[in-house]
């Protein structure tokens, strides 16, 4: 199983918890509390990723990246953004890699 499959499966679980609330589920709790709580958690986890990276603690960094990823998936489900939409946008951006640098060089040479 590759990384994309894991993300797809996790996202399916998150969406299922939104559509079929399960009492006692942390994911259900987040959806029940609403957007402000979800955004607060995304912000907290983002900060924890930064701190773990600054402390050069790779194990903690991996854990915090996983927490942030999960909370971003919850945010996506709350906002109705499918994983496929994000994947498509990343594909478009990958095609543009290097284009800005080339454009900047052309402008500088004018």
PDB file of N, CA and C in Angstrom:
ATOM      1  N   UNK A   1       0.848  -1.179   0.000  1.00  0.00           N
ATOM      2  CA  UNK A   1       0.000   0.000   0.000  1.00  0.00           C
ATOM      3  C   UNK A   1       0.893   1.241   0.000  1.00  0.00           C
ATOM      4  N   UNK A   2       0.605   2.167  -0.896  1.00  0.00           N
ATOM      5  CA  UNK A   2       1.433   3.368  -0.949  1.00  0.00           C
ATOM      6  C   UNK A   2       0.793   4.516  -0.159  1.00  0.00           C
ATOM      7  N   UNK A   3       1.505   5.625  -0.086  1.00  0.00           N
ATOM      8  CA  UNK A   3       1.060   6.777   0.703  1.00  0.00           C
ATOM      9  C   UNK A   3      -0.299   7.291   0.265  1.00  0.00           C
ATOM     10  N   UNK A   4      -0.540   7.306  -1.030  1.00  0.00           N
ATOM     11  CA  UNK A   4      -1.815   7.812  -1.538  1.00  0.00           C
ATOM     12  C   UNK A   4      -2.956   6.922  -1.066  1.00  0.00           C
ATOM     13  N   UNK A   5      -2.752   5.609  -1.077  1.00  0.00           N
ATOM     14  CA  UNK A   5      -3.789   4.700  -0.600  1.00  0.00           C
ATOM     15  C   UNK A   5      -4.102   4.948   0.869  1.00  0.00           C
ATOM     16  N   UNK A   6      -3.080   5.188   1.681  1.00  0.00           N
ATOM     17  CA  UNK A   6      -3.283   5.457   3.100  1.00  0.00           C
ATOM     18  C   UNK A   6      -4.083   6.738   3.279  1.00  0.00           C
ATOM     19  N   UNK A   7      -3.730   7.784   2.533  1.00  0.00           N
ATOM     20  CA  UNK A   7      -4.474   9.037   2.615  1.00  0.00           C
ATOM     21  C   UNK A   7      -5.921   8.855   2.164  1.00  0.00           C
ATOM     22  N   UNK A   8      -6.116   8.124   1.081  1.00  0.00           N
ATOM     23  CA  UNK A   8      -7.473   7.873   0.587  1.00  0.00           C
ATOM     24  C   UNK A   8      -8.295   7.143   1.638  1.00  0.00           C
ATOM     25  N   UNK A   9      -7.720   6.113   2.242  1.00  0.00           N
ATOM     26  CA  UNK A   9      -8.437   5.348   3.259  1.00  0.00           C
ATOM     27  C   UNK A   9      -8.756   6.211   4.468  1.00  0.00           C
ATOM     28  N   UNK A  10      -7.784   6.980   4.928  1.00  0.00           N
ATOM     29  CA  UNK A  10      -8.019   7.856   6.074  1.00  0.00           C
ATOM     30  C   UNK A  10      -9.098   8.881   5.748  1.00  0.00           C
ATOM     31  N   UNK A  11      -9.044   9.448   4.556  1.00  0.00           N
ATOM     32  CA  UNK A  11     -10.043  10.442   4.168  1.00  0.00           C
ATOM     33  C   UNK A  11     -11.431   9.811   4.107  1.00  0.00           C
ATOM     34  N   UNK A  12     -11.510   8.575   3.645  1.00  0.00           N
ATOM     35  CA  UNK A  12     -12.798   7.875   3.607  1.00  0.00           C
ATOM     36  C   UNK A  12     -13.348   7.689   5.019  1.00  0.00           C
ATOM     37  N   UNK A  13     -12.482   7.344   5.959  1.00  0.00           N
ATOM     38  CA  UNK A  13     -12.911   7.193   7.353  1.00  0.00           C
ATOM     39  C   UNK A  13     -13.421   8.531   7.892  1.00  0.00           C
ATOM     40  N   UNK A  14     -12.676   9.607   7.621  1.00  0.00           N
ATOM     41  CA  UNK A  14     -13.069  10.942   8.078  1.00  0.00           C
ATOM     42  C   UNK A  14     -14.444  11.301   7.505  1.00  0.00           C
ATOM     43  N   UNK A  15     -14.622  11.115   6.192  1.00  0.00           N
ATOM     44  CA  UNK A  15     -15.908  11.440   5.569  1.00  0.00           C
ATOM     45  C   UNK A  15     -17.033  10.566   6.120  1.00  0.00           C
ATOM     46  N   UNK A  16     -16.723   9.312   6.378  1.00  0.00           N
ATOM     47  CA  UNK A  16     -17.729   8.403   6.944  1.00  0.00           C
ATOM     48  C   UNK A  16     -18.169   8.871   8.332  1.00  0.00           C
ATOM     49  N   UNK A  17     -17.213   9.352   9.133  1.00  0.00           N
ATOM     50  CA  UNK A  17     -17.557   9.848  10.475  1.00  0.00           C
ATOM     51  C   UNK A  17     -18.433  11.096  10.381  1.00  0.00           C
ATOM     52  N   UNK A  18     -18.218  11.874   9.328  1.00  0.00           N
ATOM     53  CA  UNK A  18     -19.057  13.067   9.137  1.00  0.00           C
ATOM     54  C   UNK A  18     -20.477  12.656   8.742  1.00  0.00           C
ATOM     55  N   UNK A  19     -20.569  11.688   7.833  1.00  0.00           N
ATOM     56  CA  UNK A  19     -21.875  11.258   7.322  1.00  0.00           C
ATOM     57  C   UNK A  19     -22.595  10.327   8.291  1.00  0.00           C
ATOM     58  N   UNK A  20     -21.834   9.541   9.051  1.00  0.00           N
ATOM     59  CA  UNK A  20     -22.391   8.563   9.989  1.00  0.00           C
ATOM     60  C   UNK A  20     -21.746   8.765  11.359  1.00  0.00           C
ATOM     61  N   UNK A  21     -22.198   9.786  12.076  1.00  0.00           N
ATOM     62  CA  UNK A  21     -21.574  10.103  13.361  1.00  0.00           C
ATOM     63  C   UNK A  21     -21.509   8.892  14.287  1.00  0.00           C
ATOM     64  N   UNK A  22     -20.355   8.728  14.897  1.00  0.00           N
ATOM     65  CA  UNK A  22     -20.147   7.620  15.823  1.00  0.00           C
ATOM     66  C   UNK A  22     -19.799   8.227  17.184  1.00  0.00           C
ATOM     67  N   UNK A  23     -20.703   8.077  18.117  1.00  0.00           N
ATOM     68  CA  UNK A  23     -20.501   8.639  19.456  1.00  0.00           C
ATOM     69  C   UNK A  23     -19.172   8.170  20.033  1.00  0.00           C
ATOM     70  N   UNK A  24     -18.434   9.095  20.610  1.00  0.00           N
ATOM     71  CA  UNK A  24     -17.136   8.773  21.198  1.00  0.00           C
ATOM     72  C   UNK A  24     -15.975   8.914  20.236  1.00  0.00           C
ATOM     73  N   UNK A  25     -16.271   9.121  18.954  1.00  0.00           N
ATOM     74  CA  UNK A  25     -15.227   9.288  17.939  1.00  0.00           C
ATOM     75  C   UNK A  25     -14.679  10.713  18.005  1.00  0.00           C
ATOM     76  N   UNK A  26     -13.359  10.844  18.015  1.00  0.00           N
ATOM     77  CA  UNK A  26     -12.729  12.166  18.025  1.00  0.00           C
ATOM     78  C   UNK A  26     -13.106  12.936  16.759  1.00  0.00           C
ATOM     79  N   UNK A  27     -13.155  12.246  15.640  1.00  0.00           N
ATOM     80  CA  UNK A  27     -13.522  12.895  14.378  1.00  0.00           C
ATOM     81  C   UNK A  27     -14.943  13.436  14.458  1.00  0.00           C
ATOM     82  N   UNK A  28     -15.839  12.639  14.998  1.00  0.00           N
ATOM     83  CA  UNK A  28     -17.228  13.089  15.191  1.00  0.00           C
ATOM     84  C   UNK A  28     -17.257  14.321  16.094  1.00  0.00           C
ATOM     85  N   UNK A  29     -16.469  14.300  17.153  1.00  0.00           N
ATOM     86  CA  UNK A  29     -16.375  15.438  18.076  1.00  0.00           C
ATOM     87  C   UNK A  29     -15.977  16.710  17.322  1.00  0.00           C
ATOM     88  N   UNK A  30     -14.973  16.610  16.455  1.00  0.00           N
ATOM     89  CA  UNK A  30     -14.534  17.779  15.695  1.00  0.00           C
ATOM     90  C   UNK A  30     -15.655  18.312  14.804  1.00  0.00           C
ATOM     91  N   UNK A  31     -16.338  17.410  14.098  1.00  0.00           N
ATOM     92  CA  UNK A  31     -17.428  17.854  13.232  1.00  0.00           C
ATOM     93  C   UNK A  31     -18.567  18.462  14.049  1.00  0.00           C
ATOM     94  N   UNK A  32     -18.831  17.882  15.202  1.00  0.00           N
ATOM     95  CA  UNK A  32     -19.897  18.375  16.066  1.00  0.00           C
ATOM     96  C   UNK A  32     -19.580  19.791  16.572  1.00  0.00           C
ATOM     97  N   UNK A  33     -18.312  20.044  16.904  1.00  0.00           N
ATOM     98  CA  UNK A  33     -17.903  21.360  17.401  1.00  0.00           C
ATOM     99  C   UNK A  33     -17.850  22.392  16.282  1.00  0.00           C
ATOM    100  N   UNK A  34     -17.624  21.945  15.059  1.00  0.00           N
ATOM    101  CA  UNK A  34     -17.713  22.841  13.916  1.00  0.00           C
ATOM    102  C   UNK A  34     -16.391  23.407  13.421  1.00  0.00           C
ATOM    103  N   UNK A  35     -16.516  24.289  12.463  1.00  0.00           N
ATOM    104  CA  UNK A  35     -15.372  24.833  11.735  1.00  0.00           C
ATOM    105  C   UNK A  35     -14.359  25.515  12.649  1.00  0.00           C
ATOM    106  N   UNK A  36     -14.816  26.307  13.599  1.00  0.00           N
ATOM    107  CA  UNK A  36     -13.871  27.016  14.466  1.00  0.00           C
ATOM    108  C   UNK A  36     -12.962  26.044  15.214  1.00  0.00           C
ATOM    109  N   UNK A  37     -13.515  24.955  15.731  1.00  0.00           N
ATOM    110  CA  UNK A  37     -12.710  23.960  16.450  1.00  0.00           C
ATOM    111  C   UNK A  37     -11.730  23.283  15.494  1.00  0.00           C
ATOM    112  N   UNK A  38     -12.195  22.946  14.314  1.00  0.00           N
ATOM    113  CA  UNK A  38     -11.329  22.296  13.322  1.00  0.00           C
ATOM    114  C   UNK A  38     -10.175  23.226  12.952  1.00  0.00           C
ATOM    115  N   UNK A  39     -10.474  24.489  12.709  1.00  0.00           N
ATOM    116  CA  UNK A  39      -9.430  25.457  12.363  1.00  0.00           C
ATOM    117  C   UNK A  39      -8.448  25.649  13.509  1.00  0.00           C
ATOM    118  N   UNK A  40      -8.945  25.657  14.730  1.00  0.00           N
ATOM    119  CA  UNK A  40      -8.076  25.783  15.898  1.00  0.00           C
ATOM    120  C   UNK A  40      -7.096  24.617  15.950  1.00  0.00           C
ATOM    121  N   UNK A  41      -7.587  23.406  15.677  1.00  0.00           N
ATOM    122  CA  UNK A  41      -6.724  22.227  15.698  1.00  0.00           C
ATOM    123  C   UNK A  41      -5.703  22.274  14.564  1.00  0.00           C
ATOM    124  N   UNK A  42      -6.096  22.720  13.384  1.00  0.00           N
ATOM    125  CA  UNK A  42      -5.148  22.847  12.272  1.00  0.00           C
ATOM    126  C   UNK A  42      -4.053  23.836  12.657  1.00  0.00           C
ATOM    127  N   UNK A  43      -4.435  24.938  13.272  1.00  0.00           N
ATOM    128  CA  UNK A  43      -3.448  25.927  13.710  1.00  0.00           C
ATOM    129  C   UNK A  43      -2.515  25.370  14.768  1.00  0.00           C
ATOM    130  N   UNK A  44      -3.069  24.678  15.751  1.00  0.00           N
ATOM    131  CA  UNK A  44      -2.243  24.084  16.811  1.00  0.00           C
ATOM    132  C   UNK A  44      -1.253  23.073  16.237  1.00  0.00           C
ATOM    133  N   UNK A  45      -1.750  22.228  15.367  1.00  0.00           N
ATOM    134  CA  UNK A  45      -0.884  21.190  14.791  1.00  0.00           C
ATOM    135  C   UNK A  45       0.189  21.807  13.893  1.00  0.00           C
ATOM    136  N   UNK A  46      -0.151  22.865  13.188  1.00  0.00           N
ATOM    137  CA  UNK A  46       0.846  23.564  12.362  1.00  0.00           C
ATOM    138  C   UNK A  46       1.973  24.091  13.237  1.00  0.00           C
ATOM    139  N   UNK A  47       1.604  24.683  14.356  1.00  0.00           N
ATOM    140  CA  UNK A  47       2.598  25.209  15.291  1.00  0.00           C
ATOM    141  C   UNK A  47       3.469  24.085  15.841  1.00  0.00           C
ATOM    142  N   UNK A  48       2.855  22.954  16.167  1.00  0.00           N
ATOM    143  CA  UNK A  48       3.609  21.823  16.701  1.00  0.00           C
ATOM    144  C   UNK A  48       4.571  21.239  15.668  1.00  0.00           C
ATOM    145  N   UNK A  49       4.202  21.278  14.390  1.00  0.00           N
ATOM    146  CA  UNK A  49       5.111  20.849  13.324  1.00  0.00           C
ATOM    147  C   UNK A  49       6.328  21.775  13.299  1.00  0.00           C
ATOM    148  N   UNK A  50       6.081  23.058  13.386  1.00  0.00           N
ATOM    149  CA  UNK A  50       7.177  24.040  13.356  1.00  0.00           C
ATOM    150  C   UNK A  50       8.122  23.827  14.537  1.00  0.00           C
ATOM    151  N   UNK A  51       7.561  23.649  15.719  1.00  0.00           N
ATOM    152  CA  UNK A  51       8.388  23.464  16.915  1.00  0.00           C
ATOM    153  C   UNK A  51       9.215  22.183  16.817  1.00  0.00           C
ATOM    154  N   UNK A  52       8.585  21.094  16.383  1.00  0.00           N
ATOM    155  CA  UNK A  52       9.314  19.824  16.251  1.00  0.00           C
ATOM    156  C   UNK A  52      10.444  19.957  15.238  1.00  0.00           C
ATOM    157  N   UNK A  53      10.204  20.663  14.136  1.00  0.00           N
ATOM    158  CA  UNK A  53      11.247  20.860  13.127  1.00  0.00           C
ATOM    159  C   UNK A  53      12.369  21.717  13.695  1.00  0.00           C
ATOM    160  N   UNK A  54      12.014  22.765  14.399  1.00  0.00           N
ATOM    161  CA  UNK A  54      13.008  23.662  14.990  1.00  0.00           C
ATOM    162  C   UNK A  54      13.868  22.923  16.021  1.00  0.00           C
ATOM    163  N   UNK A  55      13.261  21.967  16.721  1.00  0.00           N
ATOM    164  CA  UNK A  55      13.979  21.191  17.734  1.00  0.00           C
ATOM    165  C   UNK A  55      14.758  20.017  17.136  1.00  0.00           C
ATOM    166  N   UNK A  56      14.691  19.877  15.821  1.00  0.00           N
ATOM    167  CA  UNK A  56      15.390  18.792  15.113  1.00  0.00           C
ATOM    168  C   UNK A  56      15.049  17.413  15.671  1.00  0.00           C
ATOM    169  N   UNK A  57      13.791  17.236  16.031  1.00  0.00           N
ATOM    170  CA  UNK A  57      13.320  15.959  16.569  1.00  0.00           C
ATOM    171  C   UNK A  57      12.497  15.266  15.484  1.00  0.00           C
ATOM    172  N   UNK A  58      13.170  14.414  14.704  1.00  0.00           N
ATOM    173  CA  UNK A  58      12.510  13.814  13.539  1.00  0.00           C
ATOM    174  C   UNK A  58      11.326  12.932  13.917  1.00  0.00           C
ATOM    175  N   UNK A  59      11.448  12.183  14.985  1.00  0.00           N
ATOM    176  CA  UNK A  59      10.340  11.306  15.400  1.00  0.00           C
ATOM    177  C   UNK A  59       9.117  12.154  15.768  1.00  0.00           C
ATOM    178  N   UNK A  60       9.348  13.193  16.547  1.00  0.00           N
ATOM    179  CA  UNK A  60       8.252  14.083  16.921  1.00  0.00           C
ATOM    180  C   UNK A  60       7.710  14.813  15.698  1.00  0.00           C
ATOM    181  N   UNK A  61       8.585  15.209  14.793  1.00  0.00           N
ATOM    182  CA  UNK A  61       8.163  15.889  13.570  1.00  0.00           C
ATOM    183  C   UNK A  61       7.245  15.005  12.746  1.00  0.00           C
ATOM    184  N   UNK A  62       7.610  13.750  12.589  1.00  0.00           N
ATOM    185  CA  UNK A  62       6.756  12.815  11.840  1.00  0.00           C
ATOM    186  C   UNK A  62       5.392  12.701  12.510  1.00  0.00           C
ATOM    187  N   UNK A  63       5.386  12.574  13.835  1.00  0.00           N
ATOM    188  CA  UNK A  63       4.116  12.474  14.563  1.00  0.00           C
ATOM    189  C   UNK A  63       3.256  13.717  14.358  1.00  0.00           C
ATOM    190  N   UNK A  64       3.879  14.867  14.423  1.00  0.00           N
ATOM    191  CA  UNK A  64       3.126  16.116  14.273  1.00  0.00           C
ATOM    192  C   UNK A  64       2.647  16.319  12.834  1.00  0.00           C
ATOM    193  N   UNK A  65       3.450  15.902  11.860  1.00  0.00           N
ATOM    194  CA  UNK A  65       3.008  15.971  10.463  1.00  0.00           C
ATOM    195  C   UNK A  65       1.789  15.075  10.263  1.00  0.00           C
ATOM    196  N   UNK A  66       1.797  13.908  10.875  1.00  0.00           N
ATOM    197  CA  UNK A  66       0.633  13.009  10.785  1.00  0.00           C
ATOM    198  C   UNK A  66      -0.596  13.661  11.415  1.00  0.00           C
ATOM    199  N   UNK A  67      -0.416  14.291  12.587  1.00  0.00           N
ATOM    200  CA  UNK A  67      -1.541  14.971  13.238  1.00  0.00           C
ATOM    201  C   UNK A  67      -2.076  16.099  12.360  1.00  0.00           C
ATOM    202  N   UNK A  68      -1.172  16.884  11.783  1.00  0.00           N
ATOM    203  CA  UNK A  68      -1.582  17.987  10.920  1.00  0.00           C
ATOM    204  C   UNK A  68      -2.314  17.463   9.682  1.00  0.00           C
ATOM    205  N   UNK A  69      -1.785  16.417   9.095  1.00  0.00           N
ATOM    206  CA  UNK A  69      -2.412  15.830   7.906  1.00  0.00           C
ATOM    207  C   UNK A  69      -3.839  15.386   8.222  1.00  0.00           C
ATOM    208  N   UNK A  70      -4.010  14.699   9.339  1.00  0.00           N
ATOM    209  CA  UNK A  70      -5.339  14.247   9.750  1.00  0.00           C
ATOM    210  C   UNK A  70      -6.288  15.441   9.895  1.00  0.00           C
ATOM    211  N   UNK A  71      -5.845  16.478  10.594  1.00  0.00           N
ATOM    212  CA  UNK A  71      -6.727  17.616  10.826  1.00  0.00           C
ATOM    213  C   UNK A  71      -7.030  18.379   9.531  1.00  0.00           C
ATOM    214  N   UNK A  72      -6.085  18.421   8.611  1.00  0.00           N
ATOM    215  CA  UNK A  72      -6.354  19.032   7.307  1.00  0.00           C
ATOM    216  C   UNK A  72      -7.391  18.201   6.549  1.00  0.00           C
ATOM    217  N   UNK A  73      -7.322  16.889   6.645  1.00  0.00           N
ATOM    218  CA  UNK A  73      -8.331  16.040   6.006  1.00  0.00           C
ATOM    219  C   UNK A  73      -9.715  16.284   6.610  1.00  0.00           C
ATOM    220  N   UNK A  74      -9.768  16.483   7.922  1.00  0.00           N
ATOM    221  CA  UNK A  74     -11.045  16.815   8.567  1.00  0.00           C
ATOM    222  C   UNK A  74     -11.558  18.143   8.023  1.00  0.00           C
ATOM    223  N   UNK A  75     -10.677  19.132   7.913  1.00  0.00           N
ATOM    224  CA  UNK A  75     -11.059  20.432   7.352  1.00  0.00           C
ATOM    225  C   UNK A  75     -11.575  20.276   5.925  1.00  0.00           C
ATOM    226  N   UNK A  76     -10.890  19.480   5.130  1.00  0.00           N
ATOM    227  CA  UNK A  76     -11.323  19.254   3.753  1.00  0.00           C
ATOM    228  C   UNK A  76     -12.725  18.646   3.719  1.00  0.00           C
ATOM    229  N   UNK A  77     -12.962  17.650   4.555  1.00  0.00           N
ATOM    230  CA  UNK A  77     -14.285  17.014   4.592  1.00  0.00           C
ATOM    231  C   UNK A  77     -15.345  18.023   5.040  1.00  0.00           C
ATOM    232  N   UNK A  78     -15.009  18.833   6.022  1.00  0.00           N
ATOM    233  CA  UNK A  78     -15.951  19.842   6.518  1.00  0.00           C
ATOM    234  C   UNK A  78     -16.314  20.837   5.417  1.00  0.00           C
ATOM    235  N   UNK A  79     -15.349  21.180   4.582  1.00  0.00           N
ATOM    236  CA  UNK A  79     -15.554  22.167   3.522  1.00  0.00           C
ATOM    237  C   UNK A  79     -15.974  21.555   2.180  1.00  0.00           C
ATOM    238  N   UNK A  80     -16.099  20.226   2.142  1.00  0.00           N
ATOM    239  CA  UNK A  80     -16.528  19.559   0.908  1.00  0.00           C
ATOM    240  C   UNK A  80     -15.467  19.533  -0.177  1.00  0.00           C
ATOM    241  N   UNK A  81     -14.217  19.482   0.223  1.00  0.00           N
ATOM    242  CA  UNK A  81     -13.113  19.429  -0.738  1.00  0.00           C
ATOM    243  C   UNK A  81     -12.609  17.988  -0.819  1.00  0.00           C
ATOM    244  N   UNK A  82     -12.703  17.411  -1.982  1.00  0.00           N
ATOM    245  CA  UNK A  82     -12.279  16.025  -2.182  1.00  0.00           C
ATOM    246  C   UNK A  82     -10.771  15.946  -2.379  1.00  0.00           C
ATOM    247  N   UNK A  83     -10.215  14.833  -1.987  1.00  0.00           N
ATOM    248  CA  UNK A  83      -8.784  14.583  -2.138  1.00  0.00           C
ATOM    249  C   UNK A  83      -8.362  14.696  -3.603  1.00  0.00           C
ATOM    250  N   UNK A  84      -9.227  14.282  -4.490  1.00  0.00           N
ATOM    251  CA  UNK A  84      -8.950  14.323  -5.931  1.00  0.00           C
ATOM    252  C   UNK A  84      -8.735  15.764  -6.422  1.00  0.00           C
ATOM    253  N   UNK A  85      -9.475  16.707  -5.852  1.00  0.00           N
ATOM    254  CA  UNK A  85      -9.329  18.115  -6.234  1.00  0.00           C
ATOM    255  C   UNK A  85      -7.936  18.614  -5.863  1.00  0.00           C
ATOM    256  N   UNK A  86      -7.473  18.243  -4.679  1.00  0.00           N
ATOM    257  CA  UNK A  86      -6.137  18.654  -4.226  1.00  0.00           C
ATOM    258  C   UNK A  86      -5.077  17.981  -5.096  1.00  0.00           C
ATOM    259  N   UNK A  87      -5.272  16.694  -5.386  1.00  0.00           N
ATOM    260  CA  UNK A  87      -4.323  15.979  -6.236  1.00  0.00           C
ATOM    261  C   UNK A  87      -4.229  16.639  -7.605  1.00  0.00           C
ATOM    262  N   UNK A  88      -5.362  16.994  -8.183  1.00  0.00           N
ATOM    263  CA  UNK A  88      -5.368  17.646  -9.498  1.00  0.00           C
ATOM    264  C   UNK A  88      -4.636  18.982  -9.457  1.00  0.00           C
ATOM    265  N   UNK A  89      -4.833  19.748  -8.387  1.00  0.00           N
ATOM    266  CA  UNK A  89      -4.141  21.037  -8.260  1.00  0.00           C
ATOM    267  C   UNK A  89      -2.641  20.823  -8.123  1.00  0.00           C
ATOM    268  N   UNK A  90      -2.237  19.822  -7.370  1.00  0.00           N
ATOM    269  CA  UNK A  90      -0.808  19.523  -7.232  1.00  0.00           C
ATOM    270  C   UNK A  90      -0.210  19.109  -8.570  1.00  0.00           C
ATOM    271  N   UNK A  91      -0.952  18.342  -9.354  1.00  0.00           N
ATOM    272  CA  UNK A  91      -0.501  17.960 -10.701  1.00  0.00           C
ATOM    273  C   UNK A  91      -0.277  19.194 -11.559  1.00  0.00           C
ATOM    274  N   UNK A  92      -1.232  20.140 -11.520  1.00  0.00           N
ATOM    275  CA  UNK A  92      -1.094  21.371 -12.306  1.00  0.00           C
ATOM    276  C   UNK A  92       0.143  22.145 -11.871  1.00  0.00           C
ATOM    277  N   UNK A  93       0.354  22.214 -10.572  1.00  0.00           N
ATOM    278  CA  UNK A  93       1.510  22.946 -10.058  1.00  0.00           C
ATOM    279  C   UNK A  93       2.815  22.265 -10.420  1.00  0.00           C
ATOM    280  N   UNK A  94       2.815  20.951 -10.442  1.00  0.00           N
ATOM    281  CA  UNK A  94       4.024  20.216 -10.809  1.00  0.00           C
ATOM    282  C   UNK A  94       4.424  20.541 -12.246  1.00  0.00           C
ATOM    283  N   UNK A  95       3.437  20.711 -13.096  1.00  0.00           N
ATOM    284  CA  UNK A  95       3.719  21.052 -14.492  1.00  0.00           C
ATOM    285  C   UNK A  95       4.346  22.439 -14.615  1.00  0.00           C
ATOM    286  N   UNK A  96       4.086  23.309 -13.630  1.00  0.00           N
ATOM    287  CA  UNK A  96       4.587  24.677 -13.678  1.00  0.00           C
ATOM    288  C   UNK A  96       5.949  24.826 -13.019  1.00  0.00           C
ATOM    289  N   UNK A  97       6.455  23.793 -12.393  1.00  0.00           N
ATOM    290  CA  UNK A  97       7.721  23.909 -11.664  1.00  0.00           C
ATOM    291  C   UNK A  97       8.806  24.456 -12.588  1.00  0.00           C
ATOM    292  N   UNK A  98       9.474  25.470 -12.121  1.00  0.00           N
ATOM    293  CA  UNK A  98      10.560  26.073 -12.886  1.00  0.00           C
ATOM    294  C   UNK A  98      10.110  27.206 -13.790  1.00  0.00           C
ATOM    295  N   UNK A  99       8.835  27.282 -14.106  1.00  0.00           N
ATOM    296  CA  UNK A  99       8.358  28.323 -15.018  1.00  0.00           C
ATOM    297  C   UNK A  99       8.570  29.719 -14.451  1.00  0.00           C
ATOM    298  N   UNK A 100       8.316  29.916 -13.170  1.00  0.00           N
ATOM    299  CA  UNK A 100       8.465  31.244 -12.570  1.00  0.00           C
ATOM    300  C   UNK A 100       9.919  31.690 -12.602  1.00  0.00           C
ATOM    301  N   UNK A 101      10.827  30.782 -12.333  1.00  0.00           N
ATOM    302  CA  UNK A 101      12.244  31.135 -12.363  1.00  0.00           C
ATOM    303  C   UNK A 101      12.646  31.558 -13.771  1.00  0.00           C
ATOM    304  N   UNK A 102      12.172  30.848 -14.752  1.00  0.00           N
ATOM    305  CA  UNK A 102      12.490  31.175 -16.136  1.00  0.00           C
ATOM    306  C   UNK A 102      11.917  32.535 -16.504  1.00  0.00           C
ATOM    307  N   UNK A 103      10.652  32.787 -16.106  1.00  0.00           N
ATOM    308  CA  UNK A 103      10.029  34.078 -16.400  1.00  0.00           C
ATOM    309  C   UNK A 103      10.803  35.204 -15.738  1.00  0.00           C
ATOM    310  N   UNK A 104      11.239  35.001 -14.494  1.00  0.00           N
ATOM    311  CA  UNK A 104      11.962  36.021 -13.756  1.00  0.00           C
ATOM    312  C   UNK A 104      13.295  36.335 -14.447  1.00  0.00           C
ATOM    313  N   UNK A 105      13.971  35.290 -14.922  1.00  0.00           N
ATOM    314  CA  UNK A 105      15.242  35.501 -15.624  1.00  0.00           C
ATOM    315  C   UNK A 105      15.030  36.304 -16.905  1.00  0.00           C
ATOM    316  N   UNK A 106      13.948  36.014 -17.612  1.00  0.00           N
ATOM    317  CA  UNK A 106      13.668  36.731 -18.859  1.00  0.00           C
ATOM    318  C   UNK A 106      13.395  38.212 -18.575  1.00  0.00           C
ATOM    319  N   UNK A 107      12.670  38.504 -17.496  1.00  0.00           N
ATOM    320  CA  UNK A 107      12.374  39.879 -17.133  1.00  0.00           C
ATOM    321  C   UNK A 107      13.655  40.596 -16.710  1.00  0.00           C
ATOM    322  N   UNK A 108      14.508  39.930 -15.954  1.00  0.00           N
ATOM    323  CA  UNK A 108      15.768  40.537 -15.508  1.00  0.00           C
ATOM    324  C   UNK A 108      16.691  40.851 -16.673  1.00  0.00           C
ATOM    325  N   UNK A 109      16.608  40.091 -17.749  1.00  0.00           N
ATOM    326  CA  UNK A 109      17.475  40.296 -18.895  1.00  0.00           C
ATOM    327  C   UNK A 109      16.959  41.403 -19.832  1.00  0.00           C
ATOM    328  N   UNK A 110      15.798  41.937 -19.562  1.00  0.00           N
ATOM    329  CA  UNK A 110      15.242  43.007 -20.420  1.00  0.00           C
ATOM    330  C   UNK A 110      15.951  44.312 -20.232  1.00  0.00           C
TER     331      UNK A 110
END
